[in-house]
Amino acid sequence: MGQPPAKLASAASIHSLRDLEHSDDDAEDDLLDVPPSYEQVTAQSSQTPASSNSNPVNNTTHRTVHLIDVDSNILGGQRAVSVASRVRDSTIVTLQPELSTSAHQLYEAFAQQICLPPRPQISISGSHTDSTKKKQDKKSGSDVVTDFNFRVDLAETLLKGWETPEGSTDWHNVEVANDSDGIKTYRGTRLKTTTYTPQNKSRFGPIQLPDGDREGPRQETDSGVDIDDDDDEERRLVEPDREHEQDRRDKRFETRKHQEDFMEWCERFCKDPSPVKSFTLKRHVSNFNHQAVIACLKSHIRETNYRGNISMQLVVSKSTITVYSPHWINKLRNHGVAYWVFIISQLWIFAWPVIWLLERRYEVVDSTWYASHGAEAHRDYSMARQYAQGRDENTLGEFWAPAVKQAAWARRTNSEIVSLADAERLQGLTTEQLLLGVSADTEAEVERRQRMQRGEGSFLDSVVGLARGVSEVRQEWNISMGWGGNV
């Protein structure tokens, strides 16, 4: 085991001597052979479009861009506090003061989130009933035992258009409300409405100030909302100059109109004098038949001879992001202890109507991510359904099947995430290799067996061999007789 480092050292010495023999002309020639930088490789890969008819396995194997949870975090973000587990899994809230007072920071934070997809995950759990005999009360009872509980993150193998800031308009669509669209939504109101009504700071009309205390000139936007000079300077930080409108447009939005409308809503929210207010972004996953994927994964788990109850459901994580103003009411409603005190003491009966009366809600932007597009029928032919990552639901289920079977067999719990790296690593393995771990033995195991064959094995080697044998017999028994059944 000591020879490889020596070989490496000698090879390095020879390489260094050869470098010293190079002339200046050779050095200049070597500069031409320097590999490209990471930025150049990334730019070239992003400019090369992926074909929808290419092999899906190869697409994931050679992927250079990955979704990272850190990128989808928002300033001061935390999981929502709610009784419903679906709300806790899908909603991120923040009470960061800067996002409620600075339109520029709110614009930048949400523009980044618009370019990122939600995380569609399939929650998979298996359980069985264990009947026991209680000695104290002498009554028969039963306990539910969880065999496995994990999640499969489908985002990178299902959605497309998040790889670059410009995205793909075919697989990602952003809708921003405007004053003339006629769509009912929350526009700084308690109820859904089609019009926006500015909130006046005073109910008794404008305040007359002395001549010396009057403010400087005010400007008026296209929508009729007055803005100060400071706010106009803040708008210029985000919006490009009119002269370079075409070149400096924010490519995170599909059109210039969407960009202007969204910036205007950010200004309206930050200038709203209401103490209790919220600004929400909703992200959706469309055209995805998750039931087909669930049916495929269930059948593969049954291949392991699992006899318990299997439960699967689709959870779209990080689909809703809400910014709350840092008012004490919003702080209490998002505080875990205070929330449950109100729920247990039934004070929510009085608190919820008060919150509904005080809160001004802004839900003016929707981000939709398409997993597929419908077929287009023509007179002479029909176009097949197109999928964002080149996989239909059955192919997607087959791709994740080895990782799901291995995770269930390994009893992974606590909602552990099965990642894309796990699925790619287990591709091509048979069920026997996944469950029994039939693979190449490690170097230590080979040496242990050789020592046992030569009769030089120690007591510890015998114990290790016995433990491995018992484990293999137990696993083969579970496969043949079944595991996870009710007892």
Protein backbone atom coordinates (compact mmCIF):
# COMPACT_ATOMS: atom_id res chain seq x y z
CA MET A 1 0.00 0.00 0.00
CA GLY A 2 3.05 2.26 0.26
CA GLN A 3 4.10 2.00 -3.42
CA PRO A 4 1.51 4.22 -5.15
CA PRO A 5 2.63 7.44 -3.36
CA ALA A 6 6.23 6.70 -4.42
CA LYS A 7 5.19 6.31 -8.04
CA LEU A 8 3.28 9.55 -7.88
CA ALA A 9 6.27 11.33 -6.39
CA SER A 10 8.63 10.03 -9.07
CA ALA A 11 6.19 10.99 -11.80
CA ALA A 12 5.92 14.48 -10.36
CA SER A 13 9.76 14.79 -10.28
CA ILE A 14 10.08 13.74 -13.92
CA HIS A 15 7.35 16.19 -14.86
CA SER A 16 9.14 19.04 -13.07
CA LEU A 17 12.47 18.22 -14.79
CA ARG A 18 10.77 18.24 -18.15
CA ASP A 19 9.27 21.64 -17.37
CA LEU A 20 12.74 23.02 -16.65
CA GLU A 21 13.97 21.82 -20.07
CA HIS A 22 11.26 23.77 -21.91
CA SER A 23 12.50 26.81 -23.78
CA ASP A 24 10.79 30.18 -23.91
CA ASP A 25 9.29 29.34 -27.28
CA ASP A 26 7.82 26.14 -25.91
CA ALA A 27 6.35 28.08 -23.00
CA GLU A 28 4.58 30.40 -25.40
CA ASP A 29 3.19 27.40 -27.26
CA ASP A 30 1.99 25.89 -23.99
CA LEU A 31 -0.05 28.99 -23.29
CA LEU A 32 -2.14 28.13 -26.33
CA ASP A 33 -2.95 24.72 -24.80
CA VAL A 34 -4.31 26.13 -21.52
CA PRO A 35 -7.83 24.77 -20.94
CA PRO A 36 -10.70 27.30 -21.04
CA SER A 37 -11.85 28.95 -17.82
CA TYR A 38 -14.94 27.91 -15.93
CA GLU A 39 -16.84 31.02 -17.07
CA GLN A 40 -16.13 30.19 -20.73
CA VAL A 41 -17.27 26.59 -20.36
CA THR A 42 -20.44 27.67 -18.55
CA ALA A 43 -21.24 30.29 -21.19
CA GLN A 44 -20.75 27.77 -24.01
CA SER A 45 -22.93 25.15 -22.30
CA SER A 46 -25.72 27.66 -21.67
CA GLN A 47 -25.69 28.79 -25.31
CA THR A 48 -26.12 25.20 -26.58
CA PRO A 49 -29.84 24.33 -26.45
CA ALA A 50 -30.84 20.90 -25.19
CA SER A 51 -32.81 18.78 -27.61
CA SER A 52 -36.11 17.43 -26.37
CA ASN A 53 -35.54 14.17 -28.22
CA SER A 54 -32.14 13.44 -26.66
CA ASN A 55 -31.53 10.67 -24.17
CA PRO A 56 -32.86 11.84 -20.79
CA VAL A 57 -30.33 9.84 -18.84
CA ASN A 58 -27.44 11.50 -20.64
CA ASN A 59 -28.98 14.92 -19.99
CA THR A 60 -28.91 14.43 -16.24
CA THR A 61 -25.52 12.75 -16.22
CA HIS A 62 -23.78 15.67 -17.94
CA ARG A 63 -25.72 18.43 -16.17
CA THR A 64 -23.46 21.30 -15.10
CA VAL A 65 -26.08 23.48 -13.35
CA HIS A 66 -27.91 22.36 -10.23
CA LEU A 67 -30.59 23.81 -8.00
CA ILE A 68 -29.14 24.80 -4.62
CA ASP A 69 -31.36 25.51 -1.63
CA VAL A 70 -29.21 28.48 -0.64
CA ASP A 71 -30.11 30.25 -3.88
CA SER A 72 -33.83 29.99 -3.16
CA ASN A 73 -33.53 31.49 0.33
CA ILE A 74 -34.93 34.96 0.90
CA LEU A 75 -33.66 37.48 3.43
CA GLY A 76 -35.01 36.55 6.87
CA GLY A 77 -37.01 33.64 5.44
CA GLN A 78 -38.51 30.96 7.67
CA ARG A 79 -41.15 28.26 7.41
CA ALA A 80 -44.71 29.36 7.96
CA VAL A 81 -46.42 28.47 11.24
CA SER A 82 -49.67 26.63 10.58
CA VAL A 83 -51.79 23.71 11.72
CA ALA A 84 -51.78 22.25 8.20
CA SER A 85 -48.58 20.44 7.26
CA ARG A 86 -49.07 21.33 3.59
CA VAL A 87 -48.91 25.05 4.44
CA ARG A 88 -45.77 24.54 6.53
CA ASP A 89 -44.08 22.68 3.69
CA SER A 90 -45.02 25.06 0.89
CA THR A 91 -44.87 28.56 2.43
CA ILE A 92 -41.85 30.73 3.30
CA VAL A 93 -42.44 33.96 5.26
CA THR A 94 -40.18 36.85 6.20
CA LEU A 95 -40.61 39.94 8.39
CA GLN A 96 -37.44 41.69 7.24
CA PRO A 97 -38.09 45.46 7.65
CA GLU A 98 -36.11 46.41 4.53
CA LEU A 99 -38.46 44.45 2.29
CA SER A 100 -41.45 46.45 3.54
CA THR A 101 -39.87 49.89 3.24
CA SER A 102 -37.51 49.71 0.24
CA ALA A 103 -39.11 49.07 -3.13
CA HIS A 104 -35.69 48.42 -4.65
CA GLN A 105 -34.82 45.61 -2.21
CA LEU A 106 -38.28 44.09 -2.53
CA TYR A 107 -37.99 44.15 -6.32
CA GLU A 108 -34.57 42.49 -6.33
CA ALA A 109 -35.54 39.82 -3.79
CA PHE A 110 -38.69 38.78 -5.64
CA ALA A 111 -37.16 39.08 -9.12
CA GLN A 112 -34.59 36.49 -8.06
CA GLN A 113 -37.30 34.19 -6.69
CA ILE A 114 -39.35 34.50 -9.87
CA CYS A 115 -36.48 32.94 -11.86
CA LEU A 116 -36.31 29.93 -9.52
CA PRO A 117 -38.88 27.11 -9.66
CA PRO A 118 -40.73 25.60 -6.72
CA ARG A 119 -39.58 22.21 -5.49
CA PRO A 120 -42.14 19.54 -6.43
CA GLN A 121 -41.51 16.61 -4.12
CA ILE A 122 -43.22 13.26 -3.68
CA SER A 123 -43.55 12.38 -0.01
CA ILE A 124 -43.28 8.60 0.46
CA SER A 125 -44.02 6.81 3.71
CA GLY A 126 -44.61 3.20 4.71
CA SER A 127 -46.08 1.91 7.97
CA HIS A 128 -47.53 -1.17 9.57
CA THR A 129 -49.56 -1.98 12.69
CA ASP A 130 -47.88 -3.68 15.64
CA SER A 131 -50.38 -5.29 18.03
CA THR A 132 -49.17 -5.53 21.62
CA LYS A 133 -50.46 -6.91 24.91
CA LYS A 134 -50.44 -4.35 27.69
CA LYS A 135 -49.66 -5.94 31.04
CA GLN A 136 -51.07 -3.24 33.29
CA ASP A 137 -54.64 -2.91 32.02
CA LYS A 138 -54.62 -6.32 30.26
CA LYS A 139 -56.11 -4.84 27.10
CA SER A 140 -55.07 -5.44 23.56
CA GLY A 141 -53.69 -2.42 21.75
CA SER A 142 -51.95 -1.59 18.52
CA ASP A 143 -49.25 0.87 17.57
CA VAL A 144 -48.48 2.28 14.13
CA VAL A 145 -44.83 1.75 13.26
CA THR A 146 -43.25 3.90 10.54
CA ASP A 147 -40.95 1.82 8.35
CA PHE A 148 -39.72 4.63 6.11
CA ASN A 149 -40.50 8.27 5.46
CA PHE A 150 -38.59 10.25 2.82
CA ARG A 151 -39.09 12.57 -0.13
CA VAL A 152 -38.06 12.59 -3.78
CA ASP A 153 -37.12 16.01 -5.19
CA LEU A 154 -38.29 16.09 -8.82
CA ALA A 155 -37.42 19.72 -9.66
CA GLU A 156 -34.25 19.14 -11.68
CA THR A 157 -35.70 16.20 -13.62
CA LEU A 158 -39.13 17.76 -14.22
CA LEU A 159 -38.84 21.52 -14.82
CA LYS A 160 -36.82 23.58 -17.28
CA GLY A 161 -35.96 27.24 -17.73
CA TRP A 162 -34.20 27.93 -14.41
CA GLU A 163 -30.69 27.24 -15.75
CA THR A 164 -30.12 30.80 -16.97
CA PRO A 165 -31.47 34.18 -15.77
CA GLU A 166 -33.25 34.70 -19.08
CA GLY A 167 -35.07 31.38 -18.67
CA SER A 168 -37.29 29.81 -21.30
CA THR A 169 -40.64 31.35 -22.15
CA ASP A 170 -41.90 27.98 -23.39
CA TRP A 171 -41.63 26.34 -19.97
CA HIS A 172 -41.94 29.31 -17.62
CA ASN A 173 -44.51 32.10 -17.55
CA VAL A 174 -44.79 35.12 -15.24
CA GLU A 175 -48.04 37.04 -14.88
CA VAL A 176 -48.06 40.46 -13.21
CA ALA A 177 -51.36 42.15 -12.45
CA ASN A 178 -52.04 45.61 -13.86
CA ASP A 179 -54.83 48.11 -13.42
CA SER A 180 -56.59 47.22 -16.68
CA ASP A 181 -56.46 43.40 -16.80
CA GLY A 182 -59.86 42.89 -15.12
CA ILE A 183 -58.60 39.94 -13.04
CA LYS A 184 -59.79 39.60 -9.45
CA THR A 185 -56.90 39.39 -7.02
CA TYR A 186 -55.66 41.02 -3.83
CA ARG A 187 -54.48 44.53 -4.74
CA GLY A 188 -53.78 45.91 -1.28
CA THR A 189 -57.28 44.99 -0.14
CA ARG A 190 -59.06 42.56 2.16
CA LEU A 191 -61.07 41.03 -0.68
CA LYS A 192 -60.19 40.22 -4.26
CA THR A 193 -60.86 43.10 -6.60
CA THR A 194 -60.14 44.22 -10.17
CA THR A 195 -59.05 47.76 -9.30
CA TYR A 196 -56.43 49.33 -7.09
CA THR A 197 -57.43 51.98 -4.56
CA PRO A 198 -54.58 53.93 -2.94
CA GLN A 199 -54.64 54.03 0.85
CA ASN A 200 -54.79 57.61 2.13
CA LYS A 201 -52.56 58.50 5.02
CA SER A 202 -55.21 60.77 6.52
CA ARG A 203 -58.97 60.26 6.62
CA PHE A 204 -59.63 63.98 7.13
CA GLY A 205 -58.11 65.28 3.90
CA PRO A 206 -54.66 66.65 3.16
CA ILE A 207 -52.75 68.41 5.89
CA GLN A 208 -52.03 72.08 5.18
CA LEU A 209 -48.39 72.88 5.89
CA PRO A 210 -46.81 76.35 6.22
CA ASP A 211 -45.00 77.71 3.20
CA GLY A 212 -41.62 77.07 4.78
CA ASP A 213 -42.43 73.42 5.51
CA ARG A 214 -43.80 72.50 2.12
CA GLU A 215 -42.07 69.66 0.35
CA GLY A 216 -40.28 69.94 -2.94
CA PRO A 217 -41.80 69.17 -6.30
CA ARG A 218 -43.51 65.81 -6.72
CA GLN A 219 -43.74 63.70 -9.81
CA GLU A 220 -46.60 61.60 -11.00
CA THR A 221 -46.32 58.13 -12.46
CA ASP A 222 -48.31 56.79 -15.39
CA SER A 223 -50.84 55.24 -13.00
CA GLY A 224 -51.52 58.54 -11.24
CA VAL A 225 -49.62 57.74 -8.01
CA ASP A 226 -47.48 60.60 -6.73
CA ILE A 227 -43.90 59.78 -5.79
CA ASP A 228 -41.24 61.86 -4.08
CA ASP A 229 -37.86 62.72 -5.51
CA ASP A 230 -36.25 60.11 -3.25
CA ASP A 231 -38.61 57.45 -4.57
CA ASP A 232 -37.87 58.55 -8.12
CA GLU A 233 -34.16 58.06 -7.44
CA GLU A 234 -34.94 54.57 -6.06
CA ARG A 235 -36.90 53.76 -9.20
CA ARG A 236 -33.94 54.77 -11.37
CA LEU A 237 -31.77 52.28 -9.48
CA VAL A 238 -33.98 49.45 -10.76
CA GLU A 239 -35.41 50.66 -14.05
CA PRO A 240 -33.06 51.25 -17.00
CA ASP A 241 -32.78 54.60 -18.71
CA ARG A 242 -35.35 55.26 -21.37
CA GLU A 243 -32.61 55.82 -23.94
CA HIS A 244 -31.25 52.29 -23.41
CA GLU A 245 -34.61 50.63 -22.82
CA GLN A 246 -34.04 47.77 -25.24
CA ASP A 247 -30.49 46.95 -24.15
CA ARG A 248 -30.80 47.27 -20.36
CA ARG A 249 -34.18 45.64 -19.81
CA ASP A 250 -34.36 43.20 -16.90
CA LYS A 251 -34.29 39.84 -18.68
CA ARG A 252 -35.78 38.11 -15.67
CA PHE A 253 -39.14 39.41 -16.92
CA GLU A 254 -40.61 38.44 -20.25
CA THR A 255 -41.53 41.99 -21.29
CA ARG A 256 -40.70 45.52 -20.31
CA LYS A 257 -44.33 46.02 -19.31
CA HIS A 258 -44.13 43.24 -16.74
CA GLN A 259 -41.02 44.77 -15.27
CA GLU A 260 -42.59 48.22 -14.93
CA ASP A 261 -45.83 46.82 -13.49
CA PHE A 262 -43.98 44.77 -10.89
CA MET A 263 -41.81 47.71 -9.85
CA GLU A 264 -44.93 49.82 -9.49
CA TRP A 265 -46.55 47.21 -7.22
CA CYS A 266 -43.41 47.15 -5.08
CA GLU A 267 -43.62 50.92 -4.69
CA ARG A 268 -47.31 50.75 -3.84
CA PHE A 269 -46.69 48.13 -1.18
CA CYS A 270 -43.81 50.02 0.44
CA LYS A 271 -45.76 53.32 0.39
CA ASP A 272 -48.91 51.74 1.81
CA PRO A 273 -49.42 53.31 5.29
CA SER A 274 -51.28 50.27 6.61
CA PRO A 275 -49.34 48.80 9.56
CA VAL A 276 -50.44 45.21 8.82
CA LYS A 277 -49.75 44.26 5.21
CA SER A 278 -48.31 41.39 3.16
CA PHE A 279 -46.81 40.88 -0.30
CA THR A 280 -47.00 37.35 -1.77
CA LEU A 281 -45.43 35.51 -4.70
CA LYS A 282 -47.05 32.25 -5.80
CA ARG A 283 -45.30 29.62 -7.92
CA HIS A 284 -47.21 26.80 -9.59
CA VAL A 285 -46.36 23.53 -11.35
CA SER A 286 -48.66 22.86 -14.30
CA ASN A 287 -49.30 20.00 -16.71
CA PHE A 288 -47.86 17.31 -14.45
CA ASN A 289 -49.69 14.01 -13.87
CA HIS A 290 -48.13 13.08 -10.55
CA GLN A 291 -50.51 10.16 -10.05
CA ALA A 292 -48.77 8.25 -12.86
CA VAL A 293 -45.39 8.72 -11.15
CA ILE A 294 -46.86 7.64 -7.80
CA ALA A 295 -48.35 4.47 -9.32
CA CYS A 296 -44.99 3.57 -10.87
CA LEU A 297 -43.04 4.11 -7.65
CA LYS A 298 -45.56 2.11 -5.58
CA SER A 299 -45.18 -0.90 -7.86
CA HIS A 300 -41.39 -0.77 -7.52
CA ILE A 301 -41.58 -0.65 -3.72
CA ARG A 302 -43.86 -3.69 -3.82
CA GLU A 303 -41.10 -5.48 -5.76
CA THR A 304 -39.10 -5.54 -2.53
CA ASN A 305 -41.95 -7.66 -1.05
CA TYR A 306 -43.00 -4.86 1.29
CA ARG A 307 -46.32 -5.79 2.90
CA GLY A 308 -47.12 -2.60 4.80
CA ASN A 309 -49.22 0.44 3.92
CA ILE A 310 -47.70 2.83 1.38
CA SER A 311 -48.72 6.48 1.32
CA MET A 312 -47.57 8.94 -1.36
CA GLN A 313 -48.54 12.52 -2.08
CA LEU A 314 -47.22 15.46 -4.08
CA VAL A 315 -45.87 18.38 -2.02
CA VAL A 316 -44.82 21.54 -3.86
CA SER A 317 -42.23 22.98 -1.50
CA LYS A 318 -41.42 26.72 -1.55
CA SER A 319 -44.39 27.48 -3.77
CA THR A 320 -45.45 30.56 -1.77
CA ILE A 321 -43.25 33.38 -0.47
CA THR A 322 -44.82 36.10 1.68
CA VAL A 323 -43.29 39.32 2.99
CA TYR A 324 -45.00 40.67 6.13
CA SER A 325 -44.58 44.15 7.55
CA PRO A 326 -42.71 44.03 10.90
CA HIS A 327 -45.81 44.89 12.96
CA TRP A 328 -46.30 43.19 16.32
CA ILE A 329 -49.47 41.49 15.03
CA ASN A 330 -47.55 39.90 12.15
CA LYS A 331 -44.75 38.91 14.53
CA LEU A 332 -47.21 37.14 16.85
CA ARG A 333 -49.01 35.30 14.04
CA ASN A 334 -45.64 33.96 12.78
CA HIS A 335 -44.28 33.07 16.23
CA GLY A 336 -44.58 29.36 16.99
CA VAL A 337 -45.32 29.60 20.72
CA ALA A 338 -47.76 32.50 20.40
CA TYR A 339 -49.52 30.81 17.49
CA TRP A 340 -50.18 27.58 19.39
CA VAL A 341 -51.23 29.47 22.52
CA PHE A 342 -53.93 31.18 20.45
CA ILE A 343 -54.98 27.85 18.90
CA ILE A 344 -55.15 25.88 22.16
CA SER A 345 -56.88 28.67 24.14
CA GLN A 346 -59.35 29.28 21.28
CA LEU A 347 -58.32 32.94 21.11
CA TRP A 348 -57.97 32.58 17.35
CA ILE A 349 -61.76 32.98 17.16
CA PHE A 350 -61.27 36.64 18.08
CA ALA A 351 -57.82 37.18 16.59
CA TRP A 352 -58.52 36.03 13.03
CA PRO A 353 -61.35 38.54 12.34
CA VAL A 354 -59.14 41.34 13.65
CA ILE A 355 -56.29 40.31 11.37
CA TRP A 356 -58.66 40.05 8.42
CA LEU A 357 -59.92 43.60 9.03
CA LEU A 358 -56.46 45.12 9.45
CA GLU A 359 -54.38 43.31 6.85
CA ARG A 360 -53.83 44.67 3.35
CA ARG A 361 -52.86 41.83 1.02
CA TYR A 362 -50.89 42.11 -2.22
CA GLU A 363 -50.97 38.99 -4.43
CA VAL A 364 -50.18 40.46 -7.84
CA VAL A 365 -47.52 38.14 -9.33
CA ASP A 366 -47.78 34.47 -10.32
CA SER A 367 -44.97 32.27 -11.65
CA THR A 368 -46.05 29.15 -13.54
CA TRP A 369 -43.67 26.33 -14.47
CA TYR A 370 -44.83 23.82 -17.08
CA ALA A 371 -43.78 20.18 -16.95
CA SER A 372 -45.23 19.47 -20.41
CA HIS A 373 -47.22 20.97 -23.27
CA GLY A 374 -50.36 19.51 -24.75
CA ALA A 375 -50.53 17.85 -28.17
CA GLU A 376 -51.46 19.94 -31.19
CA ALA A 377 -53.77 18.16 -33.62
CA HIS A 378 -53.58 18.97 -37.34
CA ARG A 379 -55.46 17.70 -40.33
CA ASP A 380 -52.71 15.40 -41.57
CA TYR A 381 -50.81 14.61 -38.38
CA SER A 382 -50.77 15.11 -34.61
CA MET A 383 -47.78 16.38 -32.64
CA ALA A 384 -46.72 14.25 -29.68
CA ARG A 385 -46.84 15.74 -26.21
CA GLN A 386 -43.63 17.57 -25.32
CA TYR A 387 -41.96 17.35 -21.91
CA ALA A 388 -39.64 19.90 -20.38
CA GLN A 389 -36.86 17.42 -19.55
CA GLY A 390 -37.68 14.89 -22.29
CA ARG A 391 -39.31 12.39 -19.89
CA ASP A 392 -42.96 11.47 -19.58
CA GLU A 393 -44.42 10.48 -16.21
CA ASN A 394 -43.71 6.75 -16.61
CA THR A 395 -40.12 7.33 -17.71
CA LEU A 396 -39.64 9.73 -14.82
CA GLY A 397 -40.90 7.11 -12.38
CA GLU A 398 -38.59 4.47 -13.83
CA PHE A 399 -35.63 6.85 -13.50
CA TRP A 400 -36.30 7.40 -9.77
CA ALA A 401 -37.32 3.79 -9.05
CA PRO A 402 -33.85 2.42 -8.06
CA ALA A 403 -33.25 5.28 -5.60
CA VAL A 404 -36.75 4.91 -4.12
CA LYS A 405 -36.39 1.14 -3.64
CA GLN A 406 -33.00 1.55 -2.00
CA ALA A 407 -34.28 4.35 0.30
CA ALA A 408 -37.30 2.28 1.39
CA TRP A 409 -35.16 -0.81 1.99
CA ALA A 410 -32.67 1.25 4.02
CA ARG A 411 -35.53 2.59 6.21
CA ARG A 412 -34.75 6.27 5.56
CA THR A 413 -36.93 8.46 7.80
CA ASN A 414 -37.41 12.06 9.03
CA SER A 415 -38.50 13.25 5.54
CA GLU A 416 -34.96 12.83 4.24
CA ILE A 417 -34.52 14.08 0.68
CA VAL A 418 -33.54 11.60 -2.04
CA SER A 419 -31.52 13.77 -4.40
CA LEU A 420 -30.71 13.59 -8.08
CA ALA A 421 -27.20 12.38 -7.23
CA ASP A 422 -28.68 9.32 -5.50
CA ALA A 423 -30.78 8.47 -8.55
CA GLU A 424 -27.87 8.84 -10.98
CA ARG A 425 -25.56 6.77 -8.79
CA LEU A 426 -27.97 3.80 -8.69
CA GLN A 427 -28.87 3.71 -12.38
CA GLY A 428 -28.45 0.28 -13.99
CA LEU A 429 -28.41 -1.72 -10.75
CA THR A 430 -30.68 -4.73 -10.39
CA THR A 431 -33.06 -5.25 -7.49
CA GLU A 432 -30.69 -7.81 -5.96
CA GLN A 433 -27.80 -5.36 -6.07
CA LEU A 434 -29.93 -2.61 -4.54
CA LEU A 435 -31.33 -4.66 -1.67
CA LEU A 436 -28.53 -7.08 -0.83
CA GLY A 437 -25.71 -4.72 -1.66
CA VAL A 438 -24.18 -7.21 -4.10
CA SER A 439 -21.22 -5.23 -5.37
CA ALA A 440 -17.45 -5.31 -5.41
CA ASP A 441 -16.05 -6.00 -1.95
CA THR A 442 -13.88 -3.38 -0.35
CA GLU A 443 -10.14 -3.86 -0.04
CA ALA A 444 -10.44 -4.44 3.71
CA GLU A 445 -13.05 -7.16 3.20
CA VAL A 446 -10.90 -8.91 0.57
CA GLU A 447 -7.92 -8.89 2.94
CA ARG A 448 -10.06 -10.25 5.80
CA ARG A 449 -11.27 -13.17 3.68
CA GLN A 450 -7.74 -13.93 2.54
CA ARG A 451 -6.55 -14.04 6.13
CA MET A 452 -9.39 -16.40 7.05
CA GLN A 453 -8.54 -18.71 4.12
CA ARG A 454 -4.87 -18.84 5.13
CA GLY A 455 -5.84 -19.58 8.72
CA GLU A 456 -4.36 -16.31 9.98
CA GLY A 457 -7.64 -14.66 10.88
CA SER A 458 -8.09 -13.12 14.31
CA PHE A 459 -11.07 -13.30 16.64
CA LEU A 460 -12.26 -9.91 15.36
CA ASP A 461 -12.22 -11.21 11.78
CA SER A 462 -14.46 -14.09 12.84
CA VAL A 463 -16.91 -11.74 14.55
CA VAL A 464 -17.09 -9.51 11.47
CA GLY A 465 -17.69 -12.52 9.23
CA LEU A 466 -20.44 -13.80 11.54
CA ALA A 467 -22.17 -10.41 11.61
CA ARG A 468 -22.08 -10.14 7.83
CA GLY A 469 -23.50 -13.62 7.45
CA VAL A 470 -26.37 -12.98 9.85
CA SER A 471 -27.19 -9.70 8.08
CA GLU A 472 -27.24 -11.35 4.66
CA VAL A 473 -29.46 -14.19 5.90
CA ARG A 474 -31.87 -11.68 7.46
CA GLN A 475 -32.07 -9.63 4.28
CA GLU A 476 -32.69 -12.71 2.12
CA TRP A 477 -35.40 -13.81 4.56
CA ASN A 478 -37.13 -10.42 4.31
CA ILE A 479 -37.05 -10.56 0.52
CA SER A 480 -38.46 -14.07 0.33
CA MET A 481 -41.01 -13.89 3.19
CA GLY A 482 -41.82 -10.17 3.04
CA TRP A 483 -41.18 -7.32 5.45
CA GLY A 484 -43.18 -4.50 7.01
CA GLY A 485 -46.35 -6.55 7.46
CA ASN A 486 -48.85 -6.12 10.31
CA VAL A 487 -48.11 -8.18 13.41
